Amino acid sequence: MTVSDIYTKLYSRSYYEKTGQHKFRFLKSSLFLDRRANIPFVIHMLDGVFYLQALTKIVNESLFRIEMKGDEIMLYSENRDNLLWVLE
């Protein structure tokens, strides 16, 4: 998987947090969270690991590790193995 593949998958549709509390939409390098927040972001790959870097902090974090399994996207805290959101 490449950075371009990640962007393509994120832009392909809207995602919902598995608990159903939040809606995530990715469009033109911006994350729209619940139609209220517009947060610019970029995707990086470092040592084979993909990261989403938000230019504004979300839940006191600005760098998130991305993992994808099938249709699910998992966003983890960058410094810890703390799973923050599962998007489906």
Protein backbone atom coordinates (compact mmCIF):
# COMPACT_ATOMS: atom_id res chain seq x y z
CA MET A 1 0.00 0.00 0.00
CA THR A 2 1.22 3.52 -0.81
CA VAL A 3 0.41 7.00 0.51
CA SER A 4 -1.62 7.56 -2.67
CA ASP A 5 -3.65 4.39 -1.94
CA ILE A 6 -4.44 5.68 1.56
CA TYR A 7 -5.65 9.03 0.19
CA THR A 8 -7.79 7.22 -2.40
CA LYS A 9 -9.40 5.02 0.26
CA LEU A 10 -10.04 7.94 2.63
CA TYR A 11 -11.58 10.08 -0.13
CA SER A 12 -13.77 7.22 -1.40
CA ARG A 13 -16.63 7.72 1.10
CA SER A 14 -17.74 8.96 4.51
CA TYR A 15 -16.77 6.89 7.53
CA TYR A 16 -18.46 6.47 10.88
CA GLU A 17 -16.78 5.73 14.16
CA LYS A 18 -17.62 2.17 15.15
CA THR A 19 -19.48 3.41 18.25
CA GLY A 20 -21.61 5.61 15.94
CA GLN A 21 -20.74 8.82 17.74
CA HIS A 22 -18.80 10.64 15.00
CA LYS A 23 -18.85 10.98 11.22
CA PHE A 24 -15.52 11.39 9.42
CA ARG A 25 -15.28 12.69 5.83
CA PHE A 26 -11.96 13.24 4.06
CA LEU A 27 -11.86 15.66 1.13
CA LYS A 28 -9.07 17.71 -0.48
CA SER A 29 -6.58 17.19 2.37
CA SER A 30 -9.16 18.14 5.00
CA LEU A 31 -10.94 16.05 7.60
CA PHE A 32 -14.53 17.04 8.25
CA LEU A 33 -15.57 15.79 11.67
CA ASP A 34 -19.31 15.73 12.35
CA ARG A 35 -19.87 18.55 9.80
CA ARG A 36 -18.49 20.98 12.39
CA ALA A 37 -14.71 20.78 12.29
CA ASN A 38 -12.62 21.23 9.16
CA ILE A 39 -9.10 20.03 9.95
CA PRO A 40 -6.31 20.10 7.34
CA PHE A 41 -4.14 16.96 7.29
CA VAL A 42 -1.36 15.17 5.42
CA ILE A 43 -0.41 11.49 5.26
CA HIS A 44 3.20 10.40 5.79
CA MET A 45 4.94 7.04 5.66
CA LEU A 46 7.89 6.53 7.98
CA ASP A 47 9.69 3.19 8.26
CA GLY A 48 6.76 1.41 6.60
CA VAL A 49 4.18 2.89 8.99
CA PHE A 50 1.51 5.34 7.82
CA TYR A 51 0.69 8.46 9.83
CA LEU A 52 -2.04 11.05 9.54
CA GLN A 53 -0.78 14.43 10.69
CA ALA A 54 -3.54 16.90 11.57
CA LEU A 55 -2.55 20.56 11.41
CA THR A 56 -4.90 21.19 14.36
CA LYS A 57 -4.99 18.98 17.45
CA ILE A 58 -7.79 16.45 17.82
CA VAL A 59 -8.24 14.96 21.31
CA ASN A 60 -4.93 16.57 22.29
CA GLU A 61 -3.07 14.75 19.51
CA SER A 62 -1.88 15.86 16.10
CA LEU A 63 -0.15 12.73 14.79
CA PHE A 64 -2.05 9.44 14.40
CA ARG A 65 -0.82 6.03 13.26
CA ILE A 66 -3.09 4.52 10.58
CA GLU A 67 -3.84 0.82 10.15
CA MET A 68 -6.27 -0.60 7.61
CA LYS A 69 -7.94 -4.00 7.72
CA GLY A 70 -10.54 -4.61 5.04
CA ASP A 71 -13.07 -1.77 5.20
CA GLU A 72 -12.00 -0.65 8.68
CA ILE A 73 -9.54 2.16 9.36
CA MET A 74 -7.94 2.28 12.79
CA LEU A 75 -6.42 5.50 14.11
CA TYR A 76 -4.01 5.13 17.01
CA SER A 77 -2.23 7.64 19.20
CA GLU A 78 1.23 8.13 17.72
CA ASN A 79 3.20 7.76 20.94
CA ARG A 80 1.16 4.98 22.53
CA ASP A 81 -0.61 1.88 21.33
CA ASN A 82 -3.86 3.58 22.31
CA LEU A 83 -6.63 2.92 19.76
CA LEU A 84 -8.60 6.16 19.41
CA TRP A 85 -11.08 5.40 16.64
CA VAL A 86 -12.20 2.53 14.44
CA LEU A 87 -13.81 3.91 11.28
CA GLU A 88 -16.11 1.81 9.13
